Amino acid sequence: MEDIPHRKLLRGVIILRKEDRDKVLDFLGGYSLTCHVREVKLTSEDEKKIRQFQD
């Protein structure tokens, strides 16, 4: 996850870019867990913070 821009909200809850979803789900598929995927509309402040990881 270090190379994927994301925001960790709570333990086990992350927000990431739609284009990174499949990569993360493939990674998590190797573990015994349940994943729920939701689309979330970010605030402009959240978008700025996520972009910082891309630079």
N, C-alpha and C. Protein backbone atom coordinates (compact mmCIF):
# COMPACT_ATOMS: atom_id res chain seq x y z
N MET A 1 0.81 -1.20 0.00
CA MET A 1 0.00 0.00 0.00
C MET A 1 0.85 1.26 0.00
N GLU A 2 2.13 1.13 0.26
CA GLU A 2 2.98 2.32 0.33
C GLU A 2 3.04 3.08 -0.98
N ASP A 3 2.93 2.37 -2.10
CA ASP A 3 3.03 3.04 -3.40
C ASP A 3 1.68 3.42 -4.00
N ILE A 4 0.59 3.19 -3.26
CA ILE A 4 -0.75 3.52 -3.73
C ILE A 4 -1.30 4.69 -2.91
N PRO A 5 -1.67 5.80 -3.57
CA PRO A 5 -2.23 6.93 -2.84
C PRO A 5 -3.54 6.53 -2.16
N HIS A 6 -3.66 6.81 -0.89
CA HIS A 6 -4.87 6.44 -0.15
C HIS A 6 -5.01 7.26 1.12
N ARG A 7 -6.18 7.18 1.72
CA ARG A 7 -6.43 7.77 3.04
C ARG A 7 -6.99 6.67 3.92
N LYS A 8 -6.41 6.50 5.08
CA LYS A 8 -6.91 5.52 6.03
C LYS A 8 -7.87 6.26 6.98
N LEU A 9 -9.13 5.84 6.99
CA LEU A 9 -10.12 6.49 7.85
C LEU A 9 -10.17 5.87 9.23
N LEU A 10 -10.29 4.57 9.25
CA LEU A 10 -10.38 3.79 10.49
C LEU A 10 -9.61 2.50 10.26
N ARG A 11 -9.48 1.73 11.30
CA ARG A 11 -8.86 0.41 11.13
C ARG A 11 -9.67 -0.39 10.11
N GLY A 12 -9.02 -0.75 9.03
CA GLY A 12 -9.67 -1.56 8.01
C GLY A 12 -10.50 -0.78 7.01
N VAL A 13 -10.47 0.56 7.07
CA VAL A 13 -11.24 1.39 6.14
C VAL A 13 -10.29 2.34 5.43
N ILE A 14 -10.23 2.21 4.10
CA ILE A 14 -9.35 3.09 3.33
C ILE A 14 -10.11 3.68 2.15
N ILE A 15 -9.66 4.85 1.72
CA ILE A 15 -10.16 5.47 0.50
C ILE A 15 -9.00 5.50 -0.48
N LEU A 16 -9.27 5.06 -1.70
CA LEU A 16 -8.23 5.07 -2.72
C LEU A 16 -8.85 5.40 -4.07
N ARG A 17 -8.00 5.63 -5.05
CA ARG A 17 -8.47 5.96 -6.39
C ARG A 17 -9.14 4.74 -7.03
N LYS A 18 -10.13 5.03 -7.83
CA LYS A 18 -10.86 3.96 -8.52
C LYS A 18 -9.91 3.10 -9.35
N GLU A 19 -8.93 3.74 -9.98
CA GLU A 19 -8.01 2.98 -10.84
C GLU A 19 -7.07 2.05 -10.05
N ASP A 20 -6.97 2.22 -8.74
CA ASP A 20 -6.15 1.34 -7.90
C ASP A 20 -6.96 0.23 -7.24
N ARG A 21 -8.27 0.27 -7.40
CA ARG A 21 -9.16 -0.68 -6.72
C ARG A 21 -8.79 -2.14 -7.00
N ASP A 22 -8.66 -2.50 -8.28
CA ASP A 22 -8.40 -3.90 -8.63
C ASP A 22 -7.06 -4.38 -8.07
N LYS A 23 -6.04 -3.53 -8.09
CA LYS A 23 -4.74 -3.91 -7.55
C LYS A 23 -4.85 -4.21 -6.05
N VAL A 24 -5.58 -3.38 -5.33
CA VAL A 24 -5.74 -3.59 -3.89
C VAL A 24 -6.59 -4.81 -3.61
N LEU A 25 -7.67 -4.99 -4.35
CA LEU A 25 -8.52 -6.16 -4.14
C LEU A 25 -7.77 -7.46 -4.45
N ASP A 26 -6.93 -7.46 -5.48
CA ASP A 26 -6.11 -8.63 -5.78
C ASP A 26 -5.17 -8.94 -4.62
N PHE A 27 -4.55 -7.90 -4.07
CA PHE A 27 -3.65 -8.07 -2.93
C PHE A 27 -4.41 -8.63 -1.72
N LEU A 28 -5.55 -8.04 -1.42
CA LEU A 28 -6.33 -8.47 -0.25
C LEU A 28 -6.95 -9.85 -0.44
N GLY A 29 -7.11 -10.27 -1.69
CA GLY A 29 -7.69 -11.58 -1.97
C GLY A 29 -6.87 -12.73 -1.42
N GLY A 30 -5.61 -12.49 -1.11
CA GLY A 30 -4.75 -13.51 -0.54
C GLY A 30 -4.97 -13.74 0.95
N TYR A 31 -5.87 -12.98 1.54
CA TYR A 31 -6.16 -13.08 2.97
C TYR A 31 -7.59 -13.55 3.18
N SER A 32 -7.83 -14.13 4.33
CA SER A 32 -9.18 -14.59 4.68
C SER A 32 -9.93 -13.41 5.30
N LEU A 33 -10.63 -12.66 4.45
CA LEU A 33 -11.37 -11.50 4.94
C LEU A 33 -12.52 -11.19 4.01
N THR A 34 -13.37 -10.30 4.43
CA THR A 34 -14.50 -9.85 3.63
C THR A 34 -14.26 -8.40 3.24
N CYS A 35 -14.40 -8.10 1.95
CA CYS A 35 -14.21 -6.72 1.46
C CYS A 35 -15.54 -6.16 0.99
N HIS A 36 -15.76 -4.91 1.32
CA HIS A 36 -16.92 -4.17 0.82
C HIS A 36 -16.38 -2.97 0.07
N VAL A 37 -16.87 -2.74 -1.12
CA VAL A 37 -16.39 -1.64 -1.95
C VAL A 37 -17.54 -0.65 -2.14
N ARG A 38 -17.25 0.62 -1.87
CA ARG A 38 -18.24 1.68 -2.04
C ARG A 38 -17.59 2.84 -2.79
N GLU A 39 -18.36 3.56 -3.55
CA GLU A 39 -17.88 4.78 -4.18
C GLU A 39 -18.14 5.93 -3.22
N VAL A 40 -17.10 6.74 -2.98
CA VAL A 40 -17.18 7.84 -2.03
C VAL A 40 -16.80 9.13 -2.74
N LYS A 41 -17.58 10.16 -2.58
CA LYS A 41 -17.26 11.47 -3.16
C LYS A 41 -16.41 12.22 -2.13
N LEU A 42 -15.17 12.55 -2.51
CA LEU A 42 -14.25 13.21 -1.60
C LEU A 42 -14.44 14.73 -1.62
N THR A 43 -14.08 15.36 -0.53
CA THR A 43 -14.03 16.81 -0.49
C THR A 43 -12.79 17.26 -1.25
N SER A 44 -12.74 18.52 -1.62
CA SER A 44 -11.56 19.02 -2.33
C SER A 44 -10.31 18.90 -1.46
N GLU A 45 -10.45 19.05 -0.15
CA GLU A 45 -9.31 18.91 0.76
C GLU A 45 -8.78 17.48 0.75
N ASP A 46 -9.66 16.50 0.76
CA ASP A 46 -9.23 15.10 0.68
C ASP A 46 -8.52 14.83 -0.64
N GLU A 47 -9.04 15.36 -1.73
CA GLU A 47 -8.41 15.16 -3.03
C GLU A 47 -7.00 15.76 -3.06
N LYS A 48 -6.82 16.92 -2.46
CA LYS A 48 -5.49 17.55 -2.39
C LYS A 48 -4.52 16.65 -1.61
N LYS A 49 -4.97 16.11 -0.50
CA LYS A 49 -4.09 15.27 0.33
C LYS A 49 -3.71 13.98 -0.40
N ILE A 50 -4.64 13.41 -1.13
CA ILE A 50 -4.32 12.20 -1.88
C ILE A 50 -3.35 12.50 -3.00
N ARG A 51 -3.51 13.64 -3.66
CA ARG A 51 -2.58 14.03 -4.74
C ARG A 51 -1.15 14.20 -4.24
N GLN A 52 -0.98 14.55 -2.98
CA GLN A 52 0.37 14.72 -2.42
C GLN A 52 1.15 13.42 -2.53
N PHE A 53 0.50 12.29 -2.43
CA PHE A 53 1.16 10.98 -2.51
C PHE A 53 1.62 10.68 -3.93
N GLN A 54 0.99 11.30 -4.92
CA GLN A 54 1.31 11.02 -6.31
C GLN A 54 2.58 11.74 -6.75
N ASP A 55 2.92 12.84 -6.12
CA ASP A 55 4.07 13.65 -6.51
C ASP A 55 5.37 13.08 -6.01
